[in-house]
C-alpha atoms as a PDB file:
ATOM      1  CA  UNK A   1     -15.108  85.772 -66.881  1.00  0.00           C
ATOM      2  CA  UNK A   2     -18.180  82.865 -66.182  1.00  0.00           C
ATOM      3  CA  UNK A   3     -16.811  80.945 -68.882  1.00  0.00           C
ATOM      4  CA  UNK A   4     -13.086  81.081 -67.840  1.00  0.00           C
ATOM      5  CA  UNK A   5     -14.013  80.044 -64.152  1.00  0.00           C
ATOM      6  CA  UNK A   6     -16.497  77.200 -65.926  1.00  0.00           C
ATOM      7  CA  UNK A   7     -13.438  75.614 -67.314  1.00  0.00           C
ATOM      8  CA  UNK A   8     -10.950  76.756 -64.536  1.00  0.00           C
ATOM      9  CA  UNK A   9     -13.475  74.213 -62.124  1.00  0.00           C
ATOM     10  CA  UNK A  10     -13.103  71.706 -65.451  1.00  0.00           C
ATOM     11  CA  UNK A  11      -9.756  71.461 -65.684  1.00  0.00           C
ATOM     12  CA  UNK A  12      -9.271  71.067 -61.771  1.00  0.00           C
ATOM     13  CA  UNK A  13     -11.906  68.445 -61.250  1.00  0.00           C
ATOM     14  CA  UNK A  14      -9.911  66.135 -64.240  1.00  0.00           C
ATOM     15  CA  UNK A  15      -6.559  66.975 -62.824  1.00  0.00           C
ATOM     16  CA  UNK A  16      -8.263  65.355 -58.920  1.00  0.00           C
ATOM     17  CA  UNK A  17      -9.068  62.502 -61.652  1.00  0.00           C
ATOM     18  CA  UNK A  18      -5.956  62.481 -62.332  1.00  0.00           C
ATOM     19  CA  UNK A  19      -4.255  62.160 -59.194  1.00  0.00           C
ATOM     20  CA  UNK A  20      -7.324  59.713 -57.726  1.00  0.00           C
ATOM     21  CA  UNK A  21      -6.027  56.995 -60.724  1.00  0.00           C
ATOM     22  CA  UNK A  22      -2.731  57.435 -61.089  1.00  0.00           C
ATOM     23  CA  UNK A  23      -2.447  56.817 -56.943  1.00  0.00           C
ATOM     24  CA  UNK A  24      -4.412  53.143 -57.351  1.00  0.00           C
ATOM     25  CA  UNK A  25      -0.938  51.472 -58.218  1.00  0.00           C
ATOM     26  CA  UNK A  26       0.523  53.022 -55.234  1.00  0.00           C
ATOM     27  CA  UNK A  27      -2.697  51.648 -52.598  1.00  0.00           C
ATOM     28  CA  UNK A  28      -2.122  48.395 -54.293  1.00  0.00           C
ATOM     29  CA  UNK A  29       1.895  47.652 -53.699  1.00  0.00           C
ATOM     30  CA  UNK A  30       1.469  49.212 -50.611  1.00  0.00           C
ATOM     31  CA  UNK A  31      -1.457  46.616 -49.470  1.00  0.00           C
ATOM     32  CA  UNK A  32       1.120  43.746 -50.658  1.00  0.00           C
ATOM     33  CA  UNK A  33       4.340  45.243 -48.618  1.00  0.00           C
ATOM     34  CA  UNK A  34       2.293  45.567 -45.716  1.00  0.00           C
ATOM     35  CA  UNK A  35       2.335  41.601 -45.688  1.00  0.00           C
ATOM     36  CA  UNK A  36       5.623  41.863 -44.291  1.00  0.00           C
ATOM     37  CA  UNK A  37       7.014  38.943 -46.980  1.00  0.00           C
ATOM     38  CA  UNK A  38       9.880  40.220 -49.619  1.00  0.00           C
ATOM     39  CA  UNK A  39       8.765  38.037 -52.710  1.00  0.00           C
ATOM     40  CA  UNK A  40       4.789  38.571 -53.136  1.00  0.00           C
ATOM     41  CA  UNK A  41       3.108  36.183 -55.447  1.00  0.00           C
ATOM     42  CA  UNK A  42      -0.282  36.666 -56.622  1.00  0.00           C
ATOM     43  CA  UNK A  43      -2.851  35.092 -59.321  1.00  0.00           C
ATOM     44  CA  UNK A  44      -6.260  35.944 -60.812  1.00  0.00           C
ATOM     45  CA  UNK A  45      -7.949  34.622 -63.377  1.00  0.00           C
ATOM     46  CA  UNK A  46     -10.528  36.124 -66.633  1.00  0.00           C
ATOM     47  CA  UNK A  47     -13.104  33.867 -68.785  1.00  0.00           C
ATOM     48  CA  UNK A  48     -14.177  31.629 -65.693  1.00  0.00           C
ATOM     49  CA  UNK A  49     -17.560  32.967 -66.977  1.00  0.00           C
ATOM     50  CA  UNK A  50     -17.807  32.711 -70.064  1.00  0.00           C
ATOM     51  CA  UNK A  51     -19.731  31.147 -73.224  1.00  0.00           C
ATOM     52  CA  UNK A  52     -16.998  30.530 -74.905  1.00  0.00           C
ATOM     53  CA  UNK A  53     -13.356  29.942 -75.155  1.00  0.00           C
ATOM     54  CA  UNK A  54     -11.005  29.208 -72.629  1.00  0.00           C
ATOM     55  CA  UNK A  55     -10.017  29.644 -68.842  1.00  0.00           C
ATOM     56  CA  UNK A  56      -6.431  31.830 -68.666  1.00  0.00           C
ATOM     57  CA  UNK A  57      -5.145  32.103 -65.451  1.00  0.00           C
ATOM     58  CA  UNK A  58      -1.718  34.319 -64.491  1.00  0.00           C
ATOM     59  CA  UNK A  59       0.317  34.184 -61.801  1.00  0.00           C
ATOM     60  CA  UNK A  60       2.780  37.313 -60.847  1.00  0.00           C
ATOM     61  CA  UNK A  61       5.157  37.260 -58.729  1.00  0.00           C
ATOM     62  CA  UNK A  62       7.033  41.097 -56.834  1.00  0.00           C
ATOM     63  CA  UNK A  63      10.389  40.787 -55.528  1.00  0.00           C
ATOM     64  CA  UNK A  64      10.063  43.672 -53.339  1.00  0.00           C
ATOM     65  CA  UNK A  65      13.878  44.310 -53.200  1.00  0.00           C
ATOM     66  CA  UNK A  66      14.612  44.231 -56.892  1.00  0.00           C
ATOM     67  CA  UNK A  67      11.585  46.386 -57.510  1.00  0.00           C
ATOM     68  CA  UNK A  68      12.872  50.084 -58.740  1.00  0.00           C
ATOM     69  CA  UNK A  69      10.731  53.430 -58.478  1.00  0.00           C
ATOM     70  CA  UNK A  70      11.284  53.704 -62.354  1.00  0.00           C
ATOM     71  CA  UNK A  71       9.186  50.643 -62.577  1.00  0.00           C
ATOM     72  CA  UNK A  72       6.955  51.293 -59.768  1.00  0.00           C
ATOM     73  CA  UNK A  73       5.823  54.575 -60.621  1.00  0.00           C
ATOM     74  CA  UNK A  74       5.224  52.864 -64.499  1.00  0.00           C
ATOM     75  CA  UNK A  75       2.738  51.001 -62.382  1.00  0.00           C
ATOM     76  CA  UNK A  76       0.714  53.775 -60.870  1.00  0.00           C
ATOM     77  CA  UNK A  77      -2.312  53.222 -62.801  1.00  0.00           C
ATOM     78  CA  UNK A  78      -2.804  49.560 -61.366  1.00  0.00           C
ATOM     79  CA  UNK A  79      -6.141  48.410 -60.814  1.00  0.00           C
ATOM     80  CA  UNK A  80      -8.480  45.711 -61.223  1.00  0.00           C
ATOM     81  CA  UNK A  81      -8.025  45.395 -65.218  1.00  0.00           C
ATOM     82  CA  UNK A  82     -11.900  45.317 -64.617  1.00  0.00           C
ATOM     83  CA  UNK A  83     -11.509  49.243 -64.125  1.00  0.00           C
ATOM     84  CA  UNK A  84      -9.175  49.741 -67.606  1.00  0.00           C
ATOM     85  CA  UNK A  85     -10.333  50.368 -70.674  1.00  0.00           C
ATOM     86  CA  UNK A  86      -8.814  47.630 -73.085  1.00  0.00           C
ATOM     87  CA  UNK A  87      -6.180  50.495 -74.642  1.00  0.00           C
ATOM     88  CA  UNK A  88      -5.626  51.087 -70.823  1.00  0.00           C
ATOM     89  CA  UNK A  89      -4.640  46.732 -70.034  1.00  0.00           C
ATOM     90  CA  UNK A  90      -2.615  46.732 -72.970  1.00  0.00           C
ATOM     91  CA  UNK A  91      -0.143  50.013 -72.463  1.00  0.00           C
ATOM     92  CA  UNK A  92      -0.211  47.932 -68.457  1.00  0.00           C
ATOM     93  CA  UNK A  93       0.632  44.932 -69.655  1.00  0.00           C
ATOM     94  CA  UNK A  94       4.617  44.695 -70.730  1.00  0.00           C
ATOM     95  CA  UNK A  95       4.777  47.405 -67.411  1.00  0.00           C
ATOM     96  CA  UNK A  96       3.928  43.870 -65.760  1.00  0.00           C
ATOM     97  CA  UNK A  97       6.240  42.169 -67.313  1.00  0.00           C
ATOM     98  CA  UNK A  98       8.705  44.781 -67.358  1.00  0.00           C
ATOM     99  CA  UNK A  99       8.614  44.846 -63.332  1.00  0.00           C
ATOM    100  CA  UNK A 100       7.566  40.935 -61.916  1.00  0.00           C
ATOM    101  CA  UNK A 101      10.330  38.924 -61.230  1.00  0.00           C
ATOM    102  CA  UNK A 102       8.649  36.285 -63.314  1.00  0.00           C
ATOM    103  CA  UNK A 103       4.596  35.864 -64.848  1.00  0.00           C
ATOM    104  CA  UNK A 104       3.470  32.403 -65.576  1.00  0.00           C
ATOM    105  CA  UNK A 105      -0.108  31.934 -67.638  1.00  0.00           C
ATOM    106  CA  UNK A 106      -1.797  28.938 -67.980  1.00  0.00           C
ATOM    107  CA  UNK A 107      -4.618  28.134 -70.220  1.00  0.00           C
ATOM    108  CA  UNK A 108      -7.356  25.058 -69.892  1.00  0.00           C
ATOM    109  CA  UNK A 109      -8.939  25.040 -72.926  1.00  0.00           C
ATOM    110  CA  UNK A 110     -13.272  24.252 -74.174  1.00  0.00           C
ATOM    111  CA  UNK A 111     -13.272  20.896 -73.980  1.00  0.00           C
ATOM    112  CA  UNK A 112     -10.785  20.754 -70.262  1.00  0.00           C
ATOM    113  CA  UNK A 113     -13.458  22.316 -68.837  1.00  0.00           C
ATOM    114  CA  UNK A 114     -16.171  20.504 -70.144  1.00  0.00           C
ATOM    115  CA  UNK A 115     -14.781  17.194 -68.462  1.00  0.00           C
ATOM    116  CA  UNK A 116     -12.995  18.225 -64.998  1.00  0.00           C
ATOM    117  CA  UNK A 117     -16.543  20.902 -64.585  1.00  0.00           C
ATOM    118  CA  UNK A 118     -15.017  24.839 -64.455  1.00  0.00           C
ATOM    119  CA  UNK A 119     -13.831  25.148 -60.747  1.00  0.00           C
ATOM    120  CA  UNK A 120     -11.709  22.360 -60.384  1.00  0.00           C
ATOM    121  CA  UNK A 121     -10.755  23.550 -63.900  1.00  0.00           C
ATOM    122  CA  UNK A 122     -10.474  27.041 -62.152  1.00  0.00           C
ATOM    123  CA  UNK A 123      -8.682  25.944 -59.201  1.00  0.00           C
ATOM    124  CA  UNK A 124      -5.983  23.587 -61.193  1.00  0.00           C
ATOM    125  CA  UNK A 125      -5.469  26.710 -63.369  1.00  0.00           C
ATOM    126  CA  UNK A 126      -4.390  28.729 -60.248  1.00  0.00           C
ATOM    127  CA  UNK A 127      -2.417  26.804 -58.692  1.00  0.00           C
ATOM    128  CA  UNK A 128      -0.292  26.192 -61.826  1.00  0.00           C
ATOM    129  CA  UNK A 129      -0.241  30.022 -62.403  1.00  0.00           C
ATOM    130  CA  UNK A 130       1.744  30.461 -59.065  1.00  0.00           C
ATOM    131  CA  UNK A 131       3.642  27.524 -58.683  1.00  0.00           C
ATOM    132  CA  UNK A 132       4.880  28.643 -62.239  1.00  0.00           C
ATOM    133  CA  UNK A 133       6.153  32.319 -60.482  1.00  0.00           C
ATOM    134  CA  UNK A 134       7.284  30.673 -57.159  1.00  0.00           C
ATOM    135  CA  UNK A 135       8.751  27.159 -58.345  1.00  0.00           C
ATOM    136  CA  UNK A 136      12.285  28.955 -58.019  1.00  0.00           C
ATOM    137  CA  UNK A 137      11.478  31.333 -56.224  1.00  0.00           C
ATOM    138  CA  UNK A 138      14.733  31.252 -53.425  1.00  0.00           C
ATOM    139  CA  UNK A 139      13.436  33.059 -50.165  1.00  0.00           C
ATOM    140  CA  UNK A 140       9.975  32.298 -48.439  1.00  0.00           C
ATOM    141  CA  UNK A 141       6.931  33.402 -51.095  1.00  0.00           C
ATOM    142  CA  UNK A 142       3.588  35.026 -49.806  1.00  0.00           C
ATOM    143  CA  UNK A 143       1.241  33.311 -52.609  1.00  0.00           C
ATOM    144  CA  UNK A 144      -2.348  36.012 -52.941  1.00  0.00           C
ATOM    145  CA  UNK A 145      -5.443  34.550 -54.766  1.00  0.00           C
ATOM    146  CA  UNK A 146      -8.518  36.346 -55.466  1.00  0.00           C
ATOM    147  CA  UNK A 147     -11.749  35.358 -52.720  1.00  0.00           C
ATOM    148  CA  UNK A 148      -9.957  31.811 -52.237  1.00  0.00           C
ATOM    149  CA  UNK A 149      -7.439  29.876 -50.851  1.00  0.00           C
ATOM    150  CA  UNK A 150      -6.369  26.956 -53.648  1.00  0.00           C
ATOM    151  CA  UNK A 151      -5.948  23.966 -51.625  1.00  0.00           C
ATOM    152  CA  UNK A 152      -2.857  21.425 -52.531  1.00  0.00           C
ATOM    153  CA  UNK A 153      -0.653  24.147 -53.081  1.00  0.00           C
ATOM    154  CA  UNK A 154       2.520  24.210 -50.408  1.00  0.00           C
ATOM    155  CA  UNK A 155       3.949  28.079 -50.185  1.00  0.00           C
ATOM    156  CA  UNK A 156       2.058  29.600 -47.318  1.00  0.00           C
ATOM    157  CA  UNK A 157      -0.502  31.668 -48.804  1.00  0.00           C
ATOM    158  CA  UNK A 158      -3.881  33.732 -48.194  1.00  0.00           C
ATOM    159  CA  UNK A 159      -7.660  34.695 -49.659  1.00  0.00           C
ATOM    160  CA  UNK A 160      -7.783  38.242 -50.674  1.00  0.00           C
ATOM    161  CA  UNK A 161     -10.997  39.376 -50.808  1.00  0.00           C
ATOM    162  CA  UNK A 162     -11.673  41.613 -53.529  1.00  0.00           C
ATOM    163  CA  UNK A 163      -7.780  41.376 -53.983  1.00  0.00           C
ATOM    164  CA  UNK A 164      -7.767  42.570 -57.606  1.00  0.00           C
ATOM    165  CA  UNK A 165      -8.854  45.934 -56.815  1.00  0.00           C
ATOM    166  CA  UNK A 166      -6.942  45.577 -52.986  1.00  0.00           C
ATOM    167  CA  UNK A 167      -3.558  43.445 -53.971  1.00  0.00           C
ATOM    168  CA  UNK A 168      -0.524  45.017 -56.739  1.00  0.00           C
ATOM    169  CA  UNK A 169      -0.120  41.379 -57.482  1.00  0.00           C
ATOM    170  CA  UNK A 170      -2.798  40.433 -58.107  1.00  0.00           C
ATOM    171  CA  UNK A 171      -4.159  43.598 -60.502  1.00  0.00           C
ATOM    172  CA  UNK A 172      -0.813  42.833 -61.948  1.00  0.00           C
ATOM    173  CA  UNK A 173      -1.625  38.744 -62.885  1.00  0.00           C
ATOM    174  CA  UNK A 174      -4.913  40.217 -63.667  1.00  0.00           C
ATOM    175  CA  UNK A 175      -3.970  42.293 -65.874  1.00  0.00           C
ATOM    176  CA  UNK A 176      -2.237  39.563 -68.113  1.00  0.00           C
ATOM    177  CA  UNK A 177      -4.835  37.006 -67.123  1.00  0.00           C
ATOM    178  CA  UNK A 178      -7.296  39.394 -69.225  1.00  0.00           C
ATOM    179  CA  UNK A 179      -4.937  40.478 -72.279  1.00  0.00           C
ATOM    180  CA  UNK A 180      -4.252  37.201 -72.825  1.00  0.00           C
ATOM    181  CA  UNK A 181      -7.446  35.957 -73.253  1.00  0.00           C
ATOM    182  CA  UNK A 182      -8.777  38.530 -74.882  1.00  0.00           C
ATOM    183  CA  UNK A 183      -5.880  38.023 -77.009  1.00  0.00           C
ATOM    184  CA  UNK A 184      -6.836  35.203 -78.157  1.00  0.00           C
ATOM    185  CA  UNK A 185     -10.406  35.586 -78.771  1.00  0.00           C
ATOM    186  CA  UNK A 186      -9.557  38.338 -81.352  1.00  0.00           C
ATOM    187  CA  UNK A 187      -7.704  35.893 -82.788  1.00  0.00           C
ATOM    188  CA  UNK A 188     -10.688  33.142 -82.934  1.00  0.00           C
ATOM    189  CA  UNK A 189     -12.314  35.386 -84.434  1.00  0.00           C
ATOM    190  CA  UNK A 190     -11.264  35.580 -87.431  1.00  0.00           C
ATOM    191  CA  UNK A 191     -11.254  31.784 -87.104  1.00  0.00           C
ATOM    192  CA  UNK A 192     -14.330  31.288 -86.465  1.00  0.00           C
ATOM    193  CA  UNK A 193     -16.212  33.939 -87.640  1.00  0.00           C
ATOM    194  CA  UNK A 194     -20.455  34.289 -87.529  1.00  0.00           C
ATOM    195  CA  UNK A 195     -20.545  34.731 -83.284  1.00  0.00           C
ATOM    196  CA  UNK A 196     -18.315  38.289 -83.112  1.00  0.00           C
ATOM    197  CA  UNK A 197     -15.739  37.005 -80.547  1.00  0.00           C
ATOM    198  CA  UNK A 198     -13.752  40.255 -80.811  1.00  0.00           C
ATOM    199  CA  UNK A 199     -16.458  42.151 -79.543  1.00  0.00           C
ATOM    200  CA  UNK A 200     -17.225  40.059 -76.720  1.00  0.00           C
ATOM    201  CA  UNK A 201     -14.424  37.863 -76.104  1.00  0.00           C
ATOM    202  CA  UNK A 202     -17.531  35.058 -75.080  1.00  0.00           C
ATOM    203  CA  UNK A 203     -19.001  36.341 -72.311  1.00  0.00           C
ATOM    204  CA  UNK A 204     -23.082  36.329 -72.222  1.00  0.00           C
ATOM    205  CA  UNK A 205     -24.097  39.403 -74.090  1.00  0.00           C
ATOM    206  CA  UNK A 206     -27.093  39.828 -75.897  1.00  0.00           C
ATOM    207  CA  UNK A 207     -25.114  39.961 -79.337  1.00  0.00           C
ATOM    208  CA  UNK A 208     -23.942  36.964 -78.510  1.00  0.00           C
ATOM    209  CA  UNK A 209     -26.939  34.796 -77.261  1.00  0.00           C
ATOM    210  CA  UNK A 210     -28.295  36.583 -80.608  1.00  0.00           C
ATOM    211  CA  UNK A 211     -25.279  34.707 -82.484  1.00  0.00           C
ATOM    212  CA  UNK A 212     -25.984  31.563 -81.256  1.00  0.00           C
ATOM    213  CA  UNK A 213     -29.463  31.699 -81.964  1.00  0.00           C
ATOM    214  CA  UNK A 214     -28.465  32.699 -85.877  1.00  0.00           C
ATOM    215  CA  UNK A 215     -25.846  29.854 -86.232  1.00  0.00           C
ATOM    216  CA  UNK A 216     -25.450  27.749 -83.440  1.00  0.00           C
ATOM    217  CA  UNK A 217     -22.513  26.686 -81.248  1.00  0.00           C
ATOM    218  CA  UNK A 218     -18.839  27.037 -82.751  1.00  0.00           C
ATOM    219  CA  UNK A 219     -15.899  24.887 -81.400  1.00  0.00           C
ATOM    220  CA  UNK A 220     -14.860  27.462 -78.938  1.00  0.00           C
ATOM    221  CA  UNK A 221     -18.131  26.950 -77.052  1.00  0.00           C
ATOM    222  CA  UNK A 222     -18.403  24.963 -73.711  1.00  0.00           C
ATOM    223  CA  UNK A 223     -20.961  23.022 -73.656  1.00  0.00           C
ATOM    224  CA  UNK A 224     -20.853  22.179 -69.821  1.00  0.00           C
ATOM    225  CA  UNK A 225     -22.185  25.768 -69.433  1.00  0.00           C
ATOM    226  CA  UNK A 226     -26.105  25.949 -68.068  1.00  0.00           C
ATOM    227  CA  UNK A 227     -27.390  28.707 -70.326  1.00  0.00           C
ATOM    228  CA  UNK A 228     -30.402  30.192 -71.779  1.00  0.00           C
ATOM    229  CA  UNK A 229     -28.800  30.779 -75.181  1.00  0.00           C
ATOM    230  CA  UNK A 230     -28.541  27.395 -75.344  1.00  0.00           C
ATOM    231  CA  UNK A 231     -31.445  25.808 -74.364  1.00  0.00           C
ATOM    232  CA  UNK A 232     -33.199  26.579 -77.096  1.00  0.00           C
ATOM    233  CA  UNK A 233     -31.301  24.874 -79.485  1.00  0.00           C
ATOM    234  CA  UNK A 234     -31.287  21.477 -80.341  1.00  0.00           C
ATOM    235  CA  UNK A 235     -27.577  20.149 -79.285  1.00  0.00           C
END
């Protein structure tokens, strides 16, 4: 009987965890709805803190007049991309594309980041992603960005602290940006073997730093990014 009780308790705990995960999307969509706009666009980026690889920004526009209950249910697990496994992000990716009114992805290459600087490149990429999803929108759009506002942008916007864990539009953009960039880095691993890009996707992990010490830098490495991994090399 004790064993059966323990199994029942464990099953109940798992069920509660599943329910909590399933309601994250509802919470994020409820936040966007409360803003009072029919059209809500979110933007987020992936790869800002990487040693190697491009910066990818995505914009996602939701139309709350046409968004169906079925689409909302399909995105019940929507959350900040960092809260999901790679497999869960891949599963959410096509659901976002199917439910969004418009999606726009912007990619900024390594040499562009080195030339313009990371911060300027990041702001410009987010601005272009938002312009891409709002350019043909009929009606007023509220644009949301994770953490800060984007300068020289003509639409109404708000900076949302922890936006990718607060707003459905920003969380959806974080999923699109992260999946797009990770796919690119897995392909780059084939073209540039030796740095294990498919494993760390360009972030500064111990294995990545060891690979730089062994092999030097690849064409995908950002030379403007100040890192201890670079300081030990004669570049």
